[in-house]
Protein backbone atom coordinates (compact mmCIF):
# COMPACT_ATOMS: atom_id res chain seq x y z
CA MET A 1 33.15 143.49 131.90
CA LEU A 2 32.46 145.79 128.92
CA VAL A 3 35.03 144.36 126.51
CA PRO A 4 32.94 141.56 125.01
CA LEU A 5 29.94 143.96 124.89
CA TYR A 6 31.52 146.51 122.53
CA LEU A 7 29.55 145.54 119.43
CA LEU A 8 26.29 145.21 121.35
CA MET A 9 26.82 148.72 122.72
CA VAL A 10 27.53 150.16 119.30
CA ALA A 11 24.36 148.62 117.81
CA ASP A 12 22.09 149.47 120.77
CA LEU A 13 23.26 153.05 121.32
CA HIS A 14 23.90 153.82 117.63
CA LEU A 15 27.49 154.83 118.34
CA ALA A 16 30.03 155.89 115.69
CA GLY A 17 32.08 152.69 115.61
CA VAL A 18 33.78 150.47 118.18
CA ARG A 19 36.12 153.29 119.22
CA ALA A 20 33.19 155.10 120.85
CA ALA A 21 32.31 152.09 123.02
CA ALA A 22 35.98 151.46 123.80
CA LEU A 23 36.36 155.11 124.90
CA VAL A 24 34.23 154.35 127.98
CA VAL A 25 36.77 151.74 129.04
CA ALA A 26 39.66 154.05 128.11
CA VAL A 27 38.25 156.90 130.28
CA TYR A 28 37.82 154.50 133.18
CA GLY A 29 41.39 153.30 132.83
CA LEU A 30 42.91 156.76 132.43
CA CYS A 31 41.18 158.08 135.55
CA TYR A 32 42.12 154.88 137.35
CA CYS A 33 45.82 155.44 136.52
CA LEU A 34 46.08 159.24 136.76
CA GLY A 35 44.73 159.10 140.28
CA SER A 36 47.16 156.35 141.35
CA TYR A 37 49.87 158.54 142.84
CA PRO A 38 47.47 160.46 145.13
CA ALA A 39 46.00 157.06 146.04
CA GLY A 40 49.51 155.88 146.86
CA VAL A 41 50.03 158.91 149.13
CA LEU A 42 46.84 158.01 150.98
CA ALA A 43 47.86 154.34 151.23
CA ASP A 44 51.09 155.39 152.99
CA ARG A 45 49.29 157.60 155.46
CA VAL A 46 45.76 156.43 156.29
CA ASN A 47 43.72 153.29 156.96
CA ARG A 48 44.13 151.05 153.89
CA ARG A 49 41.28 148.76 154.82
CA ASN A 50 38.79 151.64 154.57
CA LEU A 51 40.31 152.86 151.27
CA LEU A 52 39.87 149.46 149.67
CA GLY A 53 36.37 148.84 151.00
CA TYR A 54 34.84 152.17 150.11
CA GLY A 55 36.64 152.29 146.74
CA LEU A 56 35.16 148.91 145.83
CA ALA A 57 31.72 150.00 146.93
CA VAL A 58 31.75 153.17 144.75
CA ASN A 59 33.17 151.14 141.82
CA ALA A 60 30.31 148.66 142.17
CA LEU A 61 27.71 151.45 142.22
CA VAL A 62 29.21 152.83 139.03
CA ALA A 63 28.82 149.46 137.30
CA ILE A 64 25.14 149.49 138.32
CA GLY A 65 24.82 153.08 137.02
CA ILE A 66 26.22 152.00 133.64
CA GLY A 67 23.49 149.39 133.50
CA LEU A 68 20.81 151.98 134.13
CA THR A 69 21.64 154.80 131.68
CA ARG A 70 21.49 154.97 127.88
CA ARG A 71 23.02 158.42 127.54
CA TYR A 72 26.51 158.14 126.11
CA GLU A 73 27.89 161.26 127.80
CA LEU A 74 26.70 159.86 131.18
CA LEU A 75 28.46 156.62 130.42
CA LEU A 76 31.68 158.57 129.97
CA LEU A 77 31.10 160.38 133.25
CA LEU A 78 30.41 157.16 135.10
CA GLY A 79 33.54 155.68 133.56
CA ALA A 80 35.57 158.54 135.01
CA LEU A 81 33.99 158.18 138.47
CA GLY A 82 34.56 154.43 138.41
CA GLY A 83 38.18 154.96 137.53
CA LEU A 84 38.67 157.39 140.42
CA ALA A 85 37.17 154.79 142.79
CA GLY A 86 39.09 151.91 141.31
CA THR A 87 42.39 153.79 141.51
CA LEU A 88 42.51 153.06 145.25
CA PHE A 89 43.00 149.36 144.68
CA HIS A 90 46.56 148.79 143.42
CA PRO A 91 48.52 151.20 145.73
CA THR A 92 46.41 150.18 148.73
CA ALA A 93 46.31 146.38 148.24
CA GLY A 94 49.93 146.44 147.13
CA THR A 95 50.95 147.81 150.48
CA LEU A 96 48.32 146.22 152.79
CA VAL A 97 48.80 142.59 151.68
CA PRO A 98 52.66 142.59 152.08
CA ALA A 99 52.22 144.32 155.45
CA HIS A 100 50.26 141.32 156.74
CA TYR A 101 53.03 138.95 155.55
CA PRO A 102 56.31 140.87 156.00
CA LYS A 103 58.61 137.82 155.86
CA ASN A 104 57.82 137.20 152.18
CA PRO A 105 56.12 140.18 150.57
CA GLY A 106 56.90 139.00 146.99
CA MET A 107 55.04 135.74 147.50
CA ALA A 108 52.11 137.63 149.04
CA ILE A 109 51.86 139.75 145.87
CA GLY A 110 51.96 136.56 143.77
CA LEU A 111 49.13 135.01 145.73
CA MET A 112 47.11 138.24 145.43
CA GLY A 113 47.50 137.85 141.68
CA VAL A 114 45.20 134.83 141.90
CA GLY A 115 42.35 137.31 142.37
CA ALA A 116 43.31 139.18 139.18
CA GLY A 117 43.28 135.84 137.33
CA ILE A 118 39.85 134.92 138.62
CA GLY A 119 38.50 138.39 137.71
CA PHE A 120 39.87 138.39 134.17
CA PHE A 121 38.66 134.80 133.75
CA ALA A 122 35.13 135.31 135.06
CA GLY A 123 34.37 138.93 134.00
CA PRO A 124 34.28 138.61 130.22
CA GLN A 125 32.67 135.14 130.38
CA TYR A 126 29.88 136.29 132.67
CA ALA A 127 29.27 139.52 130.77
CA GLY A 128 29.05 137.79 127.41
CA TRP A 129 26.88 134.96 128.77
CA ARG A 130 24.35 137.17 130.59
CA ALA A 131 24.19 139.62 127.67
CA GLN A 132 22.73 136.82 125.57
CA THR A 133 20.82 134.76 128.13
CA ALA A 134 19.46 137.16 130.73
CA HIS A 135 15.73 137.87 130.02
CA TRP A 136 14.60 139.93 132.98
CA HIS A 137 13.24 143.33 132.10
CA TRP A 138 13.34 146.66 133.92
CA GLY A 139 12.44 149.75 131.92
CA ALA A 140 14.47 150.23 128.73
CA ILE A 141 17.56 148.27 129.94
CA GLY A 142 19.43 146.76 126.96
CA ASP A 143 20.82 143.26 126.72
CA TRP A 144 24.37 144.49 127.32
CA GLN A 145 23.34 146.38 130.49
CA ARG A 146 21.95 143.42 132.44
CA PRO A 147 25.36 141.91 133.25
CA CYS A 148 26.58 145.36 134.35
CA ILE A 149 23.76 145.60 136.93
CA GLU A 150 24.26 142.02 138.11
CA MET A 151 28.02 142.30 138.47
CA GLY A 152 27.71 145.70 140.14
CA ALA A 153 25.34 144.25 142.70
CA ALA A 154 27.75 141.36 143.39
CA GLY A 155 30.61 143.85 143.75
CA LEU A 156 28.61 145.91 146.26
CA ALA A 157 27.87 142.81 148.32
CA VAL A 158 31.63 141.92 148.41
CA ALA A 159 32.47 145.52 149.43
CA ILE A 160 30.15 145.28 152.44
CA LEU A 161 31.68 141.93 153.43
CA PHE A 162 35.18 143.34 153.05
CA LEU A 163 34.41 146.32 155.30
CA LEU A 164 32.94 143.94 157.90
CA LEU A 165 35.71 141.32 157.89
CA ALA A 166 38.97 142.87 156.70
CA ARG A 167 41.52 144.44 159.02
CA GLU A 168 44.37 146.87 158.74
CA ALA A 169 47.88 145.53 159.37
CA GLN A 170 49.78 146.13 162.56
CA PRO A 171 50.09 149.88 163.24
CA ASP A 172 53.47 151.38 162.58
CA PRO A 173 55.73 151.66 165.61
CA PRO A 174 56.63 155.10 167.00
CA GLY A 175 59.25 156.78 164.91
CA SER A 176 58.25 154.81 161.77
CA SER A 177 59.21 156.37 158.45
CA ARG A 178 55.84 155.77 156.93
CA GLY A 179 55.08 158.87 154.92
CA ALA A 180 58.76 159.77 154.48
CA PRO A 181 59.67 161.40 151.14
CA LEU A 182 60.60 159.13 148.21
CA GLY A 183 63.80 160.94 147.36
CA ARG A 184 64.84 162.14 143.94
CA ARG A 185 66.86 159.02 142.94
CA LEU A 186 64.11 156.59 143.83
CA ARG A 187 61.46 158.70 142.21
CA TRP A 188 63.34 158.90 138.87
CA CYS A 189 64.21 155.18 138.96
CA VAL A 190 60.50 154.37 139.32
CA VAL A 191 59.64 156.80 136.48
CA GLY A 192 62.06 155.06 134.25
CA VAL A 193 60.75 151.57 135.09
CA ALA A 194 57.18 152.74 134.61
CA ALA A 195 57.94 154.28 131.22
CA VAL A 196 59.46 151.03 129.90
CA LEU A 197 57.02 148.61 131.47
CA GLY A 198 54.23 150.92 130.32
CA MET A 199 54.68 149.30 126.87
CA ARG A 200 53.92 145.95 128.46
CA ASP A 201 50.89 147.34 130.24
CA PHE A 202 49.65 148.89 127.00
CA VAL A 203 49.80 145.54 125.30
CA GLY A 204 47.98 143.87 128.19
CA VAL A 205 45.04 146.24 127.91
CA ALA A 206 45.11 146.30 124.11
CA LEU A 207 45.07 142.51 123.87
CA LEU A 208 41.71 142.24 125.56
CA SER A 209 40.02 144.87 123.36
CA LEU A 210 41.72 143.78 120.16
CA GLY A 211 41.01 140.10 121.00
CA SER A 212 37.28 140.87 121.41
CA ILE A 213 37.14 142.73 118.10
CA TYR A 214 39.21 140.05 116.28
CA LEU A 215 37.14 137.17 117.59
CA GLN A 216 33.81 138.76 116.65
CA LYS A 217 34.67 140.44 113.34
CA SER A 218 37.24 138.02 111.87
CA LEU A 219 36.23 134.69 113.40
CA GLY A 220 32.50 135.43 113.58
CA GLN A 221 32.06 134.76 117.25
CA SER A 222 29.08 136.13 119.21
CA ALA A 223 29.40 138.25 122.36
CA LEU A 224 28.80 135.11 124.37
CA GLN A 225 31.51 133.13 122.52
CA ALA A 226 33.98 136.04 122.63
CA GLY A 227 33.39 136.50 126.35
CA LEU A 228 33.98 132.77 126.92
CA THR A 229 37.18 132.86 124.90
CA LEU A 230 38.56 136.02 126.54
CA GLY A 231 37.81 134.58 129.99
CA ALA A 232 39.26 131.18 129.14
CA MET A 233 42.54 132.65 127.85
CA THR A 234 43.22 134.08 131.34
CA ALA A 235 42.33 130.95 133.30
CA LEU A 236 45.86 129.66 133.56
CA SER A 237 47.02 132.93 135.21
CA ILE A 238 45.13 131.90 138.34
CA VAL A 239 47.81 129.28 138.92
CA VAL A 240 50.66 130.87 136.99
CA ASN A 241 50.86 134.14 138.98
CA PRO A 242 51.88 132.66 142.33
CA LEU A 243 53.78 129.77 140.72
CA LEU A 244 56.01 132.08 138.68
CA VAL A 245 56.66 134.30 141.72
CA TRP A 246 57.75 131.18 143.68
CA LEU A 247 59.89 129.83 140.84
CA SER A 248 61.58 133.15 140.22
CA MET A 249 62.72 133.94 143.80
CA GLY A 250 66.07 135.59 144.30
CA ARG A 251 68.35 136.09 141.28
CA LEU A 252 65.84 134.44 138.94
CA ARG A 253 63.23 137.21 139.39
CA LEU A 254 64.42 139.59 136.70
CA ARG A 255 65.57 136.82 134.30
CA SER A 256 62.09 135.30 134.55
CA LEU A 257 60.63 138.75 133.80
CA VAL A 258 62.58 138.93 130.58
CA CYS A 259 61.75 135.42 129.51
CA THR A 260 57.98 135.84 130.03
CA LEU A 261 58.00 139.16 128.18
CA LEU A 262 59.77 137.61 125.17
CA GLY A 263 57.41 134.61 125.26
CA ALA A 264 54.43 137.00 125.21
CA ALA A 265 55.90 138.97 122.28
CA ILE A 266 56.35 135.80 120.11
CA THR A 267 52.93 134.33 120.84
CA ILE A 268 50.97 137.61 120.47
CA THR A 269 52.57 138.23 117.06
CA ALA A 270 51.55 134.76 115.93
CA ILE A 271 47.84 135.08 116.76
CA PRO A 272 46.55 136.22 113.30
CA LEU A 273 48.71 133.54 111.64
CA CYS A 274 47.14 130.74 113.64
CA PRO A 275 44.35 128.62 112.20
CA ALA A 276 40.94 129.55 113.70
CA HIS A 277 40.54 126.22 115.54
CA HIS A 278 43.86 126.75 117.38
CA VAL A 279 43.33 130.46 118.25
CA LEU A 280 42.01 129.74 121.76
CA ALA A 281 45.10 127.62 122.66
CA LEU A 282 47.48 130.30 121.39
CA LEU A 283 45.54 133.07 123.21
CA CYS A 284 45.87 131.07 126.45
CA VAL A 285 49.61 130.75 126.02
CA ALA A 286 50.00 134.44 125.11
CA GLN A 287 47.92 135.59 128.00
CA THR A 288 49.71 133.26 130.43
CA PHE A 289 53.06 134.86 129.50
CA GLN A 290 51.49 138.35 129.54
CA MET A 291 49.74 138.16 132.87
CA GLY A 292 52.40 136.06 134.50
CA ASN A 293 54.99 138.77 134.26
CA TYR A 294 52.85 141.33 136.06
CA ALA A 295 53.16 139.42 139.30
CA ILE A 296 56.92 138.95 138.77
CA SER A 297 57.53 142.66 138.10
CA ASP A 298 55.34 143.70 141.04
CA ALA A 299 57.21 141.43 143.37
CA ALA A 300 60.62 142.52 142.00
CA ILE A 301 59.77 146.22 142.51
CA LEU A 302 58.13 145.96 145.95
CA GLU A 303 60.84 143.70 147.33
CA ARG A 304 63.39 146.42 146.58
CA VAL A 305 61.46 149.23 148.21
CA ALA A 306 61.07 149.91 151.95
CA ALA A 307 57.57 149.13 153.24
CA PRO A 308 56.76 152.75 154.27
CA LEU A 309 57.32 153.89 150.66
CA ARG A 310 55.47 151.15 148.74
CA GLY A 311 52.15 152.93 148.35
CA ARG A 312 53.64 155.94 146.57
CA VAL A 313 56.06 153.82 144.51
CA TYR A 314 53.18 151.65 143.37
CA GLY A 315 51.03 154.70 142.75
CA LEU A 316 53.70 156.57 140.77
CA PHE A 317 54.42 153.47 138.69
CA LEU A 318 50.77 152.89 137.85
CA CYS A 319 50.11 156.57 137.16
CA ILE A 320 52.68 156.49 134.37
CA ALA A 321 52.48 152.93 133.07
CA GLY A 322 48.74 152.63 133.46
CA THR A 323 48.03 155.95 131.74
CA MET A 324 50.02 154.76 128.78
CA ALA A 325 48.18 151.45 128.83
CA ASN A 326 44.65 152.78 129.00
CA THR A 327 44.85 154.64 125.73
CA ALA A 328 44.79 151.17 124.21
CA PRO A 329 41.02 150.45 124.04
CA TRP A 330 40.35 153.62 122.06
CA LEU A 331 43.43 153.11 119.82
CA MET A 332 42.54 149.47 119.08
CA GLY A 333 39.00 150.44 118.30
CA SER A 334 40.09 153.28 116.00
CA TRP A 335 42.69 151.11 114.22
CA THR A 336 40.31 148.27 113.53
CA ASP A 337 37.44 150.62 112.48
CA HIS A 338 39.68 151.61 109.49
CA PHE A 339 39.82 147.98 108.30
CA GLY A 340 36.37 148.30 106.83
CA ALA A 341 35.25 145.21 104.87
CA ALA A 342 38.77 143.70 105.26
CA ALA A 343 38.06 143.20 109.01
CA ILE A 344 36.73 139.72 108.27
CA HIS A 345 40.16 138.45 107.19
CA GLN A 346 42.62 137.22 109.82
CA ARG A 347 45.75 138.43 108.05
CA THR A 348 44.36 142.04 108.10
CA TYR A 349 45.18 142.03 111.84
CA LEU A 350 48.81 141.00 111.44
CA PRO A 351 50.31 144.56 111.59
CA VAL A 352 48.47 145.43 114.78
CA PHE A 353 49.36 142.21 116.55
CA ALA A 354 52.95 142.50 115.37
CA THR A 355 53.10 146.01 116.78
CA LEU A 356 51.94 144.75 120.15
CA GLY A 357 54.59 142.01 119.99
CA VAL A 358 57.32 144.56 119.41
CA LEU A 359 56.14 146.73 122.30
CA VAL A 360 56.07 143.89 124.83
CA ALA A 361 59.49 142.64 123.70
CA SER A 362 60.85 146.22 124.22
CA ALA A 363 59.50 146.16 127.81
CA SER A 364 62.14 143.59 128.72
CA LEU A 365 64.58 146.55 128.91
CA ALA A 366 62.98 147.32 132.30
CA ALA A 367 64.96 144.54 134.01
CA PRO A 368 68.21 146.49 134.50
CA LEU A 369 66.25 149.53 135.60
CA ILE A 370 64.44 147.50 138.31
CA ALA A 371 67.82 146.20 139.42
CA ARG A 372 68.90 149.82 140.04
CA LEU A 373 66.22 150.13 142.74
CA GLY A 374 68.43 148.05 145.00
CA SER A 375 68.56 144.51 146.43
CA PRO A 376 65.39 142.87 147.73
CA ALA A 377 64.72 144.24 151.21
CA GLU A 378 63.50 140.90 152.61
CA PRO A 379 65.64 137.77 152.89
CA ALA A 380 64.71 135.00 150.47
CA ILE A 381 62.73 132.25 152.27
CA GLN A 382 60.64 129.39 151.02
CA PRO A 383 57.11 130.45 150.16
CA LEU A 384 54.15 129.80 152.44
CA THR A 385 56.35 129.58 155.49
CA GLU A 386 55.01 132.76 157.12
CA THR A 387 54.33 131.50 160.63
CA SER A 388 51.69 134.12 161.31
CA PRO A 389 50.43 137.36 159.77
CA ALA A 390 51.20 140.68 161.34
CA THR A 391 49.28 141.48 164.49
CA LEU A 392 45.85 142.78 163.55
CA GLU A 393 44.17 145.87 164.95
CA PRO A 394 40.40 146.16 165.37
CA ALA A 395 38.49 147.44 162.41
CA LEU A 396 38.17 151.22 162.34
């Protein structure tokens, strides 16, 4: 939401460069990820439907709060609070969704990735569009704050609907191992995977912030145009996430992960070398490779982990990899602030894009580490053949 609004925030709040605006996003992301392991512990022990619903509601209220304040220190505080609410999502959804579809948990994760694609597609586009076209007034609200209020209100409405309609999966049978300890071997395997894939996650977060800065400073796009471009470049992931999970079933899972990571590395490095009129097409290809491998790696990890342990595994992974990743907005803002007048030239950005390419290529070393987690727990079946979801319990 905030990524295409960086330059508007800097001008409106008189901030000391893009890095100050990007720090709000970085604080959100760091709190989101640092709280992931405790969130995973909760996801393995308590009602996941409630965790998701109330986390979404608080996250939405934070977005509204960002739209109502003009104090920078309060924006940072709200960013931290939003991150602590948002941290409930990945460990909780990553265990609840496969629990409803136990015959094919990997495909369930891939289909859940459709939501991520829609969010990354619509969020920047809507924010950039409404920042330039919304004309309603309420106090001293700035142009960049109106989409925050509108999107926060929409999120709050969805949170209420979720709490009314969603259900927890079938309760664990007596004697279930839900909440059992991870074990030293599994814990260190996950730490290793997270440390390596954290380079991929860093690039994924960096690409959005760097892309926004590059489009506006080098290619002269407005916040509206940058938002449309950033949203458009993620559109294909709506289809690609479940499709790649389907195509990579069984032994192809880890090979596909390596191929998509290398594809992302090549295309990301080439972005500042591409003529301006072809940049959108190249960004779409790069982001398709980049976002497509998230669903593959999530499926590969969770298929190899027993269901009662998935919340903490997901939480531990995100705590490490996500914390590495969410230093990216501030680092990208700081790096590009030093370009000065040279920021208008495309080739100025080649070292930073090339660095991101090297990092995402290095993340392919995670494949043998994921293999050490074990064989997929569930038998390989054709996707979408789940005859029925797990028995549902009444809402609590």
